[in-house]
PDB file of N, CA and C in Angstrom:
ATOM      1  N   MET A   1      -1.790  17.899 -32.402  1.00  0.00           N
ATOM      2  CA  MET A   1      -2.270  18.936 -31.484  1.00  0.00           C
ATOM      3  C   MET A   1      -2.802  18.284 -30.206  1.00  0.00           C
ATOM      4  N   SER A   2      -3.621  17.256 -30.368  1.00  0.00           N
ATOM      5  CA  SER A   2      -4.197  16.604 -29.191  1.00  0.00           C
ATOM      6  C   SER A   2      -3.089  15.938 -28.364  1.00  0.00           C
ATOM      7  N   SER A   3      -2.081  15.389 -29.044  1.00  0.00           N
ATOM      8  CA  SER A   3      -0.995  14.728 -28.318  1.00  0.00           C
ATOM      9  C   SER A   3      -0.228  15.755 -27.474  1.00  0.00           C
ATOM     10  N   HIS A   4      -0.045  16.953 -28.011  1.00  0.00           N
ATOM     11  CA  HIS A   4       0.651  18.006 -27.263  1.00  0.00           C
ATOM     12  C   HIS A   4      -0.139  18.375 -26.002  1.00  0.00           C
ATOM     13  N   THR A   5      -1.478  18.500 -26.172  1.00  0.00           N
ATOM     14  CA  THR A   5      -2.329  18.829 -25.029  1.00  0.00           C
ATOM     15  C   THR A   5      -2.267  17.707 -23.992  1.00  0.00           C
ATOM     16  N   HIS A   6      -2.256  16.464 -24.467  1.00  0.00           N
ATOM     17  CA  HIS A   6      -2.202  15.334 -23.548  1.00  0.00           C
ATOM     18  C   HIS A   6      -0.896  15.368 -22.751  1.00  0.00           C
ATOM     19  N   THR A   7       0.207  15.683 -23.422  1.00  0.00           N
ATOM     20  CA  THR A   7       1.513  15.752 -22.745  1.00  0.00           C
ATOM     21  C   THR A   7       1.488  16.844 -21.678  1.00  0.00           C
ATOM     22  N   ALA A   8       0.915  17.992 -22.006  1.00  0.00           N
ATOM     23  CA  ALA A   8       0.847  19.095 -21.053  1.00  0.00           C
ATOM     24  C   ALA A   8       0.019  18.683 -19.835  1.00  0.00           C
ATOM     25  N   ASN A   9      -1.119  18.016 -20.099  1.00  0.00           N
ATOM     26  CA  ASN A   9      -1.968  17.600 -18.987  1.00  0.00           C
ATOM     27  C   ASN A   9      -1.257  16.573 -18.102  1.00  0.00           C
ATOM     28  N   SER A  10      -0.569  15.621 -18.719  1.00  0.00           N
ATOM     29  CA  SER A  10       0.098  14.582 -17.942  1.00  0.00           C
ATOM     30  C   SER A  10       1.219  15.186 -17.104  1.00  0.00           C
ATOM     31  N   SER A  11       1.993  16.109 -17.692  1.00  0.00           N
ATOM     32  CA  SER A  11       3.080  16.732 -16.941  1.00  0.00           C
ATOM     33  C   SER A  11       2.499  17.585 -15.813  1.00  0.00           C
ATOM     34  N   GLU A  12       1.386  18.238 -16.076  1.00  0.00           N
ATOM     35  CA  GLU A  12       0.751  19.061 -15.047  1.00  0.00           C
ATOM     36  C   GLU A  12       0.273  18.177 -13.895  1.00  0.00           C
ATOM     37  N   ARG A  13      -0.297  17.015 -14.251  1.00  0.00           N
ATOM     38  CA  ARG A  13      -0.806  16.104 -13.234  1.00  0.00           C
ATOM     39  C   ARG A  13       0.364  15.568 -12.383  1.00  0.00           C
ATOM     40  N   SER A  14       1.470  15.201 -13.043  1.00  0.00           N
ATOM     41  CA  SER A  14       2.604  14.665 -12.297  1.00  0.00           C
ATOM     42  C   SER A  14       3.185  15.737 -11.371  1.00  0.00           C
ATOM     43  N   GLY A  15       3.203  16.988 -11.835  1.00  0.00           N
ATOM     44  CA  GLY A  15       3.701  18.073 -10.998  1.00  0.00           C
ATOM     45  C   GLY A  15       2.816  18.266  -9.775  1.00  0.00           C
ATOM     46  N   ALA A  16       1.495  18.187  -9.973  1.00  0.00           N
ATOM     47  CA  ALA A  16       0.567  18.343  -8.853  1.00  0.00           C
ATOM     48  C   ALA A  16       0.738  17.196  -7.857  1.00  0.00           C
ATOM     49  N   SER A  17       0.850  15.970  -8.371  1.00  0.00           N
ATOM     50  CA  SER A  17       1.020  14.818  -7.484  1.00  0.00           C
ATOM     51  C   SER A  17       2.340  14.917  -6.738  1.00  0.00           C
ATOM     52  N   TRP A  18       3.388  15.445  -7.405  1.00  0.00           N
ATOM     53  CA  TRP A  18       4.685  15.608  -6.745  1.00  0.00           C
ATOM     54  C   TRP A  18       4.557  16.606  -5.598  1.00  0.00           C
ATOM     55  N   GLY A  19       3.784  17.682  -5.819  1.00  0.00           N
ATOM     56  CA  GLY A  19       3.590  18.673  -4.762  1.00  0.00           C
ATOM     57  C   GLY A  19       2.861  18.053  -3.579  1.00  0.00           C
ATOM     58  N   VAL A  20       1.828  17.251  -3.856  1.00  0.00           N
ATOM     59  CA  VAL A  20       1.083  16.588  -2.778  1.00  0.00           C
ATOM     60  C   VAL A  20       1.998  15.615  -2.044  1.00  0.00           C
ATOM     61  N   GLY A  21       2.813  14.883  -2.804  1.00  0.00           N
ATOM     62  CA  GLY A  21       3.739  13.937  -2.175  1.00  0.00           C
ATOM     63  C   GLY A  21       4.737  14.653  -1.289  1.00  0.00           C
ATOM     64  N   GLN A  22       5.192  15.833  -1.724  1.00  0.00           N
ATOM     65  CA  GLN A  22       6.150  16.593  -0.920  1.00  0.00           C
ATOM     66  C   GLN A  22       5.504  17.046   0.388  1.00  0.00           C
ATOM     67  N   ILE A  23       4.240  17.488   0.312  1.00  0.00           N
ATOM     68  CA  ILE A  23       3.529  17.918   1.522  1.00  0.00           C
ATOM     69  C   ILE A  23       3.390  16.740   2.484  1.00  0.00           C
ATOM     70  N   ILE A  24       3.002  15.564   1.951  1.00  0.00           N
ATOM     71  CA  ILE A  24       2.848  14.383   2.798  1.00  0.00           C
ATOM     72  C   ILE A  24       4.193  14.006   3.408  1.00  0.00           C
ATOM     73  N   LEU A  25       5.268  14.102   2.603  1.00  0.00           N
ATOM     74  CA  LEU A  25       6.600  13.747   3.102  1.00  0.00           C
ATOM     75  C   LEU A  25       6.993  14.658   4.253  1.00  0.00           C
ATOM     76  N   TRP A  26       6.789  15.960   4.106  1.00  0.00           N
ATOM     77  CA  TRP A  26       7.137  16.896   5.167  1.00  0.00           C
ATOM     78  C   TRP A  26       6.280  16.665   6.411  1.00  0.00           C
ATOM     79  N   GLN A  27       5.002  16.344   6.225  1.00  0.00           N
ATOM     80  CA  GLN A  27       4.146  16.067   7.390  1.00  0.00           C
ATOM     81  C   GLN A  27       4.633  14.816   8.110  1.00  0.00           C
ATOM     82  N   LEU A  28       5.065  13.808   7.335  1.00  0.00           N
ATOM     83  CA  LEU A  28       5.569  12.569   7.930  1.00  0.00           C
ATOM     84  C   LEU A  28       6.849  12.845   8.707  1.00  0.00           C
ATOM     85  N   ILE A  29       7.763  13.629   8.118  1.00  0.00           N
ATOM     86  CA  ILE A  29       9.025  13.965   8.807  1.00  0.00           C
ATOM     87  C   ILE A  29       8.721  14.731  10.091  1.00  0.00           C
ATOM     88  N   PHE A  30       7.782  15.684  10.019  1.00  0.00           N
ATOM     89  CA  PHE A  30       7.432  16.478  11.196  1.00  0.00           C
ATOM     90  C   PHE A  30       6.816  15.596  12.285  1.00  0.00           C
ATOM     91  N   ALA A  31       5.934  14.655  11.875  1.00  0.00           N
ATOM     92  CA  ALA A  31       5.289  13.771  12.849  1.00  0.00           C
ATOM     93  C   ALA A  31       6.326  12.878  13.532  1.00  0.00           C
ATOM     94  N   VAL A  32       7.242  12.311  12.738  1.00  0.00           N
ATOM     95  CA  VAL A  32       8.277  11.441  13.308  1.00  0.00           C
ATOM     96  C   VAL A  32       9.192  12.247  14.225  1.00  0.00           C
ATOM     97  N   GLY A  33       9.591  13.436  13.791  1.00  0.00           N
ATOM     98  CA  GLY A  33      10.457  14.279  14.616  1.00  0.00           C
ATOM     99  C   GLY A  33       9.757  14.687  15.905  1.00  0.00           C
ATOM    100  N   PHE A  34       8.470  15.011  15.819  1.00  0.00           N
ATOM    101  CA  PHE A  34       7.700  15.391  17.002  1.00  0.00           C
ATOM    102  C   PHE A  34       7.587  14.212  17.963  1.00  0.00           C
ATOM    103  N   PHE A  35       7.347  12.996  17.419  1.00  0.00           N
ATOM    104  CA  PHE A  35       7.221  11.795  18.247  1.00  0.00           C
ATOM    105  C   PHE A  35       8.529  11.509  18.980  1.00  0.00           C
ATOM    106  N   PHE A  36       9.651  11.526  18.229  1.00  0.00           N
ATOM    107  CA  PHE A  36      10.938  11.256  18.864  1.00  0.00           C
ATOM    108  C   PHE A  36      11.319  12.381  19.819  1.00  0.00           C
ATOM    109  N   GLY A  37      10.872  13.599  19.518  1.00  0.00           N
ATOM    110  CA  GLY A  37      11.142  14.711  20.425  1.00  0.00           C
ATOM    111  C   GLY A  37      10.450  14.483  21.766  1.00  0.00           C
ATOM    112  N   ILE A  38       9.221  13.983  21.733  1.00  0.00           N
ATOM    113  CA  ILE A  38       8.496  13.683  22.964  1.00  0.00           C
ATOM    114  C   ILE A  38       9.197  12.541  23.704  1.00  0.00           C
ATOM    115  N   GLN A  39       9.594  11.504  22.975  1.00  0.00           N
ATOM    116  CA  GLN A  39      10.273  10.367  23.589  1.00  0.00           C
ATOM    117  C   GLN A  39      11.578  10.823  24.237  1.00  0.00           C
ATOM    118  N   TYR A  40      12.355  11.648  23.520  1.00  0.00           N
ATOM    119  CA  TYR A  40      13.629  12.135  24.038  1.00  0.00           C
ATOM    120  C   TYR A  40      13.389  13.020  25.264  1.00  0.00           C
ATOM    121  N   GLY A  41      12.322  13.842  25.209  1.00  0.00           N
ATOM    122  CA  GLY A  41      11.999  14.706  26.338  1.00  0.00           C
ATOM    123  C   GLY A  41      11.649  13.871  27.568  1.00  0.00           C
ATOM    124  N   ASP A  42      10.921  12.763  27.377  1.00  0.00           N
ATOM    125  CA  ASP A  42      10.569  11.894  28.498  1.00  0.00           C
ATOM    126  C   ASP A  42      11.822  11.255  29.084  1.00  0.00           C
ATOM    127  N   LEU A  43      12.753  10.838  28.230  1.00  0.00           N
ATOM    128  CA  LEU A  43      13.991  10.237  28.716  1.00  0.00           C
ATOM    129  C   LEU A  43      14.793  11.258  29.513  1.00  0.00           C
ATOM    130  N   VAL A  44      14.864  12.483  29.017  1.00  0.00           N
ATOM    131  CA  VAL A  44      15.602  13.531  29.731  1.00  0.00           C
ATOM    132  C   VAL A  44      14.939  13.809  31.079  1.00  0.00           C
ATOM    133  N   ARG A  45      13.608  13.785  31.112  1.00  0.00           N
ATOM    134  CA  ARG A  45      12.895  14.040  32.354  1.00  0.00           C
ATOM    135  C   ARG A  45      13.177  12.912  33.352  1.00  0.00           C
ATOM    136  N   LEU A  46      13.298  11.663  32.858  1.00  0.00           N
ATOM    137  CA  LEU A  46      13.579  10.543  33.758  1.00  0.00           C
ATOM    138  C   LEU A  46      14.946  10.726  34.417  1.00  0.00           C
ATOM    139  N   PHE A  47      15.924  11.134  33.621  1.00  0.00           N
ATOM    140  CA  PHE A  47      17.265  11.362  34.190  1.00  0.00           C
ATOM    141  C   PHE A  47      17.310  12.753  34.817  1.00  0.00           C
TER     142      PHE A  47
END
C-alpha cells in the first residue's frame, strides 16, 4: 500500500516538474525570439 502511494507521489512530482520545465522552456523561447526580433528590427532599420 505504501509503495503504491509512493509511486503516485513520485509520478505526481515528475508531472509537476515537467509542467514547470515546459513553462521555463516557453519563456526561454519567447525571450530568445524577442531578442532576435529586436536585433532583426535594428538591422532592417539600418537598411
